[in-house]
Amino acid sequence: MTGVEKRMVVEYGTDLDGVWLPFAMMRRLDKHGPWTAPFTEATADQARVLVAHALAERHNSGLRRGVGLRNFLDAPPFELTVPFGKVPAGRSPAGQGAVPEPPATGIHETSPRGCAESARNPSLEASHDRA
């Protein structure tokens, strides 16, 4: 007799307006243009969000790709997840103290009007005062 197994599947996607949009579904939608069969896989909420954001357009009884779909699918980086190593007990990831010091930028917080250039070149301070 065969046993029942429970498995977890990783699904990449994005949450847009509180609705989950799997990337795999949107890639399938990308293949549905104005002269192909309508895309009917999306739920009513997914269809509403896709149309509202120009990722899909209404097409007969379903959807077809919208003008914004290609750029939307190309925008997020799609990389495999890399596992993180364990941090040894009592040590920070950087190995020095709890919080690493930020790198020195040479920009003073008190520079006039927040201008980074004047912090490096005091002669520019006079030009800011005249402006």
C-alpha atoms as a PDB file:
ATOM      1  CA  MET A   1       0.000   0.000   0.000  1.00  0.00           C
ATOM      2  CA  THR A   2       1.229   3.507  -0.810  1.00  0.00           C
ATOM      3  CA  GLY A   3       1.471   6.115   1.952  1.00  0.00           C
ATOM      4  CA  VAL A   4       0.381   9.720   1.717  1.00  0.00           C
ATOM      5  CA  GLU A   5       3.227  12.230   1.846  1.00  0.00           C
ATOM      6  CA  LYS A   6       3.144  15.909   2.645  1.00  0.00           C
ATOM      7  CA  ARG A   7       5.684  18.011   0.738  1.00  0.00           C
ATOM      8  CA  MET A   8       6.386  21.698   0.691  1.00  0.00           C
ATOM      9  CA  VAL A   9       6.891  23.299  -2.708  1.00  0.00           C
ATOM     10  CA  VAL A  10       8.698  26.602  -3.209  1.00  0.00           C
ATOM     11  CA  GLU A  11       6.757  28.982  -5.445  1.00  0.00           C
ATOM     12  CA  TYR A  12       8.339  32.249  -6.519  1.00  0.00           C
ATOM     13  CA  GLY A  13       6.050  35.204  -7.000  1.00  0.00           C
ATOM     14  CA  THR A  14       5.037  38.564  -5.657  1.00  0.00           C
ATOM     15  CA  ASP A  15       2.278  39.969  -3.493  1.00  0.00           C
ATOM     16  CA  LEU A  16       0.599  42.845  -5.310  1.00  0.00           C
ATOM     17  CA  ASP A  17      -2.310  44.665  -3.639  1.00  0.00           C
ATOM     18  CA  GLY A  18      -2.638  41.767  -1.206  1.00  0.00           C
ATOM     19  CA  VAL A  19      -2.998  39.138  -3.970  1.00  0.00           C
ATOM     20  CA  TRP A  20      -0.364  36.442  -4.606  1.00  0.00           C
ATOM     21  CA  LEU A  21       0.860  36.387  -8.219  1.00  0.00           C
ATOM     22  CA  PRO A  22       3.154  33.431  -8.988  1.00  0.00           C
ATOM     23  CA  PHE A  23       5.878  34.180 -11.537  1.00  0.00           C
ATOM     24  CA  ALA A  24       5.214  30.845 -13.266  1.00  0.00           C
ATOM     25  CA  MET A  25       1.574  31.826 -13.855  1.00  0.00           C
ATOM     26  CA  MET A  26       2.590  35.232 -15.213  1.00  0.00           C
ATOM     27  CA  ARG A  27       5.100  33.601 -17.581  1.00  0.00           C
ATOM     28  CA  ARG A  28       2.281  31.415 -18.919  1.00  0.00           C
ATOM     29  CA  LEU A  29       0.101  34.531 -19.283  1.00  0.00           C
ATOM     30  CA  ASP A  30       2.918  36.119 -21.310  1.00  0.00           C
ATOM     31  CA  LYS A  31       2.331  33.507 -24.040  1.00  0.00           C
ATOM     32  CA  HIS A  32      -1.325  34.595 -24.503  1.00  0.00           C
ATOM     33  CA  GLY A  33      -1.605  37.415 -27.019  1.00  0.00           C
ATOM     34  CA  PRO A  34      -4.600  38.876 -28.857  1.00  0.00           C
ATOM     35  CA  TRP A  35      -4.694  36.049 -31.438  1.00  0.00           C
ATOM     36  CA  THR A  36      -4.383  33.096 -29.065  1.00  0.00           C
ATOM     37  CA  ALA A  37      -6.844  31.416 -26.741  1.00  0.00           C
ATOM     38  CA  PRO A  38      -7.707  33.468 -23.639  1.00  0.00           C
ATOM     39  CA  PHE A  39      -5.793  32.834 -20.437  1.00  0.00           C
ATOM     40  CA  THR A  40      -8.252  31.410 -17.896  1.00  0.00           C
ATOM     41  CA  GLU A  41      -5.913  30.174 -15.155  1.00  0.00           C
ATOM     42  CA  ALA A  42      -6.058  33.294 -12.931  1.00  0.00           C
ATOM     43  CA  THR A  43      -8.518  33.567 -10.071  1.00  0.00           C
ATOM     44  CA  ALA A  44     -10.966  36.486  -9.997  1.00  0.00           C
ATOM     45  CA  ASP A  45      -8.736  38.429  -7.541  1.00  0.00           C
ATOM     46  CA  GLN A  46      -5.609  37.746  -9.592  1.00  0.00           C
ATOM     47  CA  ALA A  47      -7.383  38.856 -12.798  1.00  0.00           C
ATOM     48  CA  ARG A  48      -8.570  42.064 -11.113  1.00  0.00           C
ATOM     49  CA  VAL A  49      -5.044  42.958  -9.928  1.00  0.00           C
ATOM     50  CA  LEU A  50      -3.407  42.000 -13.245  1.00  0.00           C
ATOM     51  CA  VAL A  51      -5.829  44.223 -15.196  1.00  0.00           C
ATOM     52  CA  ALA A  52      -5.572  47.100 -12.703  1.00  0.00           C
ATOM     53  CA  HIS A  53      -1.774  47.210 -13.101  1.00  0.00           C
ATOM     54  CA  ALA A  54      -1.792  46.740 -16.920  1.00  0.00           C
ATOM     55  CA  LEU A  55      -0.166  43.329 -16.592  1.00  0.00           C
ATOM     56  CA  ALA A  56      -3.142  41.788 -18.428  1.00  0.00           C
ATOM     57  CA  GLU A  57      -6.113  42.896 -20.504  1.00  0.00           C
ATOM     58  CA  ARG A  58      -9.582  41.376 -20.706  1.00  0.00           C
ATOM     59  CA  HIS A  59      -9.893  39.030 -23.686  1.00  0.00           C
ATOM     60  CA  ASN A  60     -13.201  37.255 -24.385  1.00  0.00           C
ATOM     61  CA  SER A  61     -13.771  34.975 -21.384  1.00  0.00           C
ATOM     62  CA  GLY A  62     -10.263  35.382 -19.969  1.00  0.00           C
ATOM     63  CA  LEU A  63      -7.126  37.479 -20.180  1.00  0.00           C
ATOM     64  CA  ARG A  64      -4.258  38.211 -22.517  1.00  0.00           C
ATOM     65  CA  ARG A  65      -0.889  39.754 -21.716  1.00  0.00           C
ATOM     66  CA  GLY A  66      -0.882  43.461 -20.966  1.00  0.00           C
ATOM     67  CA  VAL A  67       1.597  46.120 -21.994  1.00  0.00           C
ATOM     68  CA  GLY A  68       3.386  46.113 -18.646  1.00  0.00           C
ATOM     69  CA  LEU A  69       3.834  42.354 -18.234  1.00  0.00           C
ATOM     70  CA  ARG A  70       7.180  41.902 -19.996  1.00  0.00           C
ATOM     71  CA  ASN A  71       8.945  44.646 -18.030  1.00  0.00           C
ATOM     72  CA  PHE A  72       7.328  43.458 -14.803  1.00  0.00           C
ATOM     73  CA  LEU A  73       8.651  39.920 -15.290  1.00  0.00           C
ATOM     74  CA  ASP A  74      12.139  41.134 -16.234  1.00  0.00           C
ATOM     75  CA  ALA A  75      12.444  43.518 -13.252  1.00  0.00           C
ATOM     76  CA  PRO A  76      12.862  41.209 -10.233  1.00  0.00           C
ATOM     77  CA  PRO A  77      16.153  39.361  -9.916  1.00  0.00           C
ATOM     78  CA  PHE A  78      15.600  35.644 -10.152  1.00  0.00           C
ATOM     79  CA  GLU A  79      18.371  33.802  -8.361  1.00  0.00           C
ATOM     80  CA  LEU A  80      18.520  30.559  -6.475  1.00  0.00           C
ATOM     81  CA  THR A  81      18.449  30.841  -2.714  1.00  0.00           C
ATOM     82  CA  VAL A  82      21.876  30.452  -1.141  1.00  0.00           C
ATOM     83  CA  PRO A  83      21.925  28.866   2.328  1.00  0.00           C
ATOM     84  CA  PHE A  84      23.400  30.924   5.151  1.00  0.00           C
ATOM     85  CA  GLY A  85      26.044  29.475   7.448  1.00  0.00           C
ATOM     86  CA  LYS A  86      25.526  29.339  11.198  1.00  0.00           C
ATOM     87  CA  VAL A  87      26.843  32.199  13.323  1.00  0.00           C
ATOM     88  CA  PRO A  88      29.061  30.902  16.143  1.00  0.00           C
ATOM     89  CA  ALA A  89      27.611  31.396  19.623  1.00  0.00           C
ATOM     90  CA  GLY A  90      28.745  34.636  21.278  1.00  0.00           C
ATOM     91  CA  ARG A  91      30.086  36.231  18.082  1.00  0.00           C
ATOM     92  CA  SER A  92      28.591  38.642  15.614  1.00  0.00           C
ATOM     93  CA  PRO A  93      28.608  37.868  11.877  1.00  0.00           C
ATOM     94  CA  ALA A  94      31.341  40.467  11.310  1.00  0.00           C
ATOM     95  CA  GLY A  95      33.412  38.981  14.123  1.00  0.00           C
ATOM     96  CA  GLN A  96      33.977  42.364  15.854  1.00  0.00           C
ATOM     97  CA  GLY A  97      31.443  43.602  18.349  1.00  0.00           C
ATOM     98  CA  ALA A  98      27.695  43.632  17.950  1.00  0.00           C
ATOM     99  CA  VAL A  99      27.396  46.386  15.344  1.00  0.00           C
ATOM    100  CA  PRO A 100      30.115  47.113  12.763  1.00  0.00           C
ATOM    101  CA  GLU A 101      31.218  50.732  12.380  1.00  0.00           C
ATOM    102  CA  PRO A 102      30.007  52.459   9.197  1.00  0.00           C
ATOM    103  CA  PRO A 103      32.752  53.392   6.725  1.00  0.00           C
ATOM    104  CA  ALA A 104      34.073  56.954   6.906  1.00  0.00           C
ATOM    105  CA  THR A 105      32.629  59.069   4.100  1.00  0.00           C
ATOM    106  CA  GLY A 106      34.248  62.432   4.811  1.00  0.00           C
ATOM    107  CA  ILE A 107      30.814  64.090   4.821  1.00  0.00           C
ATOM    108  CA  HIS A 108      29.973  66.174   7.867  1.00  0.00           C
ATOM    109  CA  GLU A 109      26.405  66.122   9.095  1.00  0.00           C
ATOM    110  CA  THR A 110      26.601  69.844   9.854  1.00  0.00           C
ATOM    111  CA  SER A 111      27.563  70.910   6.322  1.00  0.00           C
ATOM    112  CA  PRO A 112      25.425  73.777   4.972  1.00  0.00           C
ATOM    113  CA  ARG A 113      22.198  72.564   3.359  1.00  0.00           C
ATOM    114  CA  GLY A 114      23.450  68.978   3.548  1.00  0.00           C
ATOM    115  CA  CYS A 115      25.833  69.530   0.645  1.00  0.00           C
ATOM    116  CA  ALA A 116      28.516  66.860   0.514  1.00  0.00           C
ATOM    117  CA  GLU A 117      30.739  68.967  -1.747  1.00  0.00           C
ATOM    118  CA  SER A 118      31.021  71.795   0.792  1.00  0.00           C
ATOM    119  CA  ALA A 119      32.083  69.351   3.502  1.00  0.00           C
ATOM    120  CA  ARG A 120      35.073  68.360   1.364  1.00  0.00           C
ATOM    121  CA  ASN A 121      35.804  71.846   0.031  1.00  0.00           C
ATOM    122  CA  PRO A 122      35.347  74.690   2.583  1.00  0.00           C
ATOM    123  CA  SER A 123      35.677  77.343  -0.143  1.00  0.00           C
ATOM    124  CA  LEU A 124      32.269  76.285  -1.469  1.00  0.00           C
ATOM    125  CA  GLU A 125      30.580  77.248   1.798  1.00  0.00           C
ATOM    126  CA  ALA A 126      30.686  80.922   0.826  1.00  0.00           C
ATOM    127  CA  SER A 127      28.956  80.162  -2.487  1.00  0.00           C
ATOM    128  CA  HIS A 128      26.140  78.375  -0.606  1.00  0.00           C
ATOM    129  CA  ASP A 129      25.658  81.345   1.685  1.00  0.00           C
ATOM    130  CA  ARG A 130      25.224  83.670  -1.307  1.00  0.00           C
ATOM    131  CA  ALA A 131      22.579  81.416  -2.928  1.00  0.00           C
END
